[in-house]
Amino acid sequence: MHGYLLTFLLGIADMKADIHPNYREVVFQDLSSDLIFKTRSTVQTKETIKWEDGNEYPLVKVEVSSKSHPFYTGQHKLVDSGGRVDKFKKRYGK
């Protein structure tokens, strides 16, 4: 076990070929807010966008991000649609 760990730590071990994803720079756009950012990802997309550096990058459109998700924006509310909680309480007691 120690020999494998030492080999791993020294970077001597060969990585298996063709099993690791290819990371590339990708632009994410939150459709429900004005957030747009560039990061590295393995996600595949057919759309592209011209970024502020003049280069073209793959574009991934998302419905929710940290800019629009209620948990991160502080707008999180418990919504009881159709009185489900009350129905549960009536059916099963307290």
Protein backbone atom coordinates (compact mmCIF):
# COMPACT_ATOMS: atom_id res chain seq x y z
CA MET A 1 0.00 0.00 0.00
CA HIS A 2 2.78 2.45 0.84
CA GLY A 3 4.47 1.88 -2.53
CA TYR A 4 1.30 2.82 -4.42
CA LEU A 5 0.77 5.91 -2.25
CA LEU A 6 4.36 7.05 -2.75
CA THR A 7 4.09 6.48 -6.50
CA PHE A 8 0.84 8.46 -6.58
CA LEU A 9 2.23 11.34 -4.52
CA LEU A 10 5.35 11.60 -6.66
CA GLY A 11 3.25 11.66 -9.82
CA ILE A 12 4.97 8.62 -11.26
CA ALA A 13 1.77 6.63 -11.78
CA ASP A 14 0.40 6.73 -15.30
CA MET A 15 -3.17 7.90 -15.68
CA LYS A 16 -5.51 5.74 -17.71
CA ALA A 17 -6.02 7.14 -21.17
CA ASP A 18 -9.39 8.27 -22.55
CA ILE A 19 -11.39 8.00 -19.31
CA HIS A 20 -11.08 11.55 -18.01
CA PRO A 21 -13.45 14.27 -19.23
CA ASN A 22 -12.08 17.13 -21.28
CA TYR A 23 -12.56 20.41 -19.46
CA ARG A 24 -12.93 23.53 -21.56
CA GLU A 25 -13.96 27.11 -21.02
CA VAL A 26 -17.75 27.48 -21.21
CA VAL A 27 -20.09 30.44 -20.67
CA PHE A 28 -23.17 29.91 -18.47
CA GLN A 29 -26.20 32.20 -18.77
CA ASP A 30 -28.95 32.33 -16.15
CA LEU A 31 -32.16 32.92 -18.10
CA SER A 32 -34.06 34.30 -15.09
CA SER A 33 -31.47 36.95 -14.16
CA ASP A 34 -28.72 38.97 -15.81
CA LEU A 35 -25.95 36.65 -14.59
CA ILE A 36 -23.53 35.40 -17.22
CA PHE A 37 -20.14 33.93 -16.36
CA LYS A 38 -17.28 31.95 -17.87
CA THR A 39 -15.87 28.86 -16.17
CA ARG A 40 -14.51 25.45 -17.03
CA SER A 41 -16.87 22.54 -17.57
CA THR A 42 -17.31 19.25 -19.39
CA VAL A 43 -20.91 20.00 -20.41
CA GLN A 44 -21.69 19.63 -24.11
CA THR A 45 -23.70 22.24 -26.01
CA LYS A 46 -24.26 23.31 -29.61
CA GLU A 47 -24.78 27.03 -28.90
CA THR A 48 -21.91 29.50 -28.75
CA ILE A 49 -21.48 33.10 -27.64
CA LYS A 50 -18.86 35.78 -28.24
CA TRP A 51 -17.30 36.67 -24.86
CA GLU A 52 -15.89 40.04 -23.80
CA ASP A 53 -12.35 38.93 -24.67
CA GLY A 54 -13.41 38.57 -28.32
CA ASN A 55 -13.28 34.77 -28.35
CA GLU A 56 -16.24 32.48 -28.99
CA TYR A 57 -17.17 29.94 -26.30
CA PRO A 58 -19.83 27.24 -25.90
CA LEU A 59 -22.98 28.64 -24.24
CA VAL A 60 -25.01 26.78 -21.62
CA LYS A 61 -28.36 28.31 -20.68
CA VAL A 62 -29.65 27.49 -17.19
CA GLU A 63 -32.99 28.25 -15.53
CA VAL A 64 -31.57 28.83 -12.04
CA SER A 65 -28.22 29.90 -10.62
CA SER A 66 -26.99 31.37 -7.35
CA LYS A 67 -28.19 34.78 -8.59
CA SER A 68 -31.80 33.65 -9.01
CA HIS A 69 -32.29 30.68 -6.64
CA PRO A 70 -34.48 31.62 -3.65
CA PHE A 71 -32.11 29.97 -1.17
CA TYR A 72 -29.24 32.26 -2.17
CA THR A 73 -31.31 35.41 -2.70
CA GLY A 74 -33.07 35.21 0.68
CA GLN A 75 -36.48 35.02 -0.98
CA HIS A 76 -37.08 31.42 0.14
CA LYS A 77 -40.66 30.88 1.29
CA LEU A 78 -42.64 27.80 2.27
CA VAL A 79 -45.55 27.58 -0.14
CA ASP A 80 -48.49 25.38 0.77
CA SER A 81 -50.10 24.77 -2.60
CA GLY A 82 -53.66 23.62 -2.30
CA GLY A 83 -53.62 23.19 1.49
CA ARG A 84 -51.60 19.99 1.35
CA VAL A 85 -50.27 20.43 4.87
CA ASP A 86 -53.79 20.86 6.26
CA LYS A 87 -55.03 17.82 4.33
CA PHE A 88 -52.15 15.77 5.73
CA LYS A 89 -52.86 16.92 9.29
CA LYS A 90 -56.59 16.09 8.96
CA ARG A 91 -55.88 12.67 7.52
CA TYR A 92 -53.10 11.60 9.90
CA GLY A 93 -53.81 13.59 13.05
CA LYS A 94 -51.47 16.12 14.59
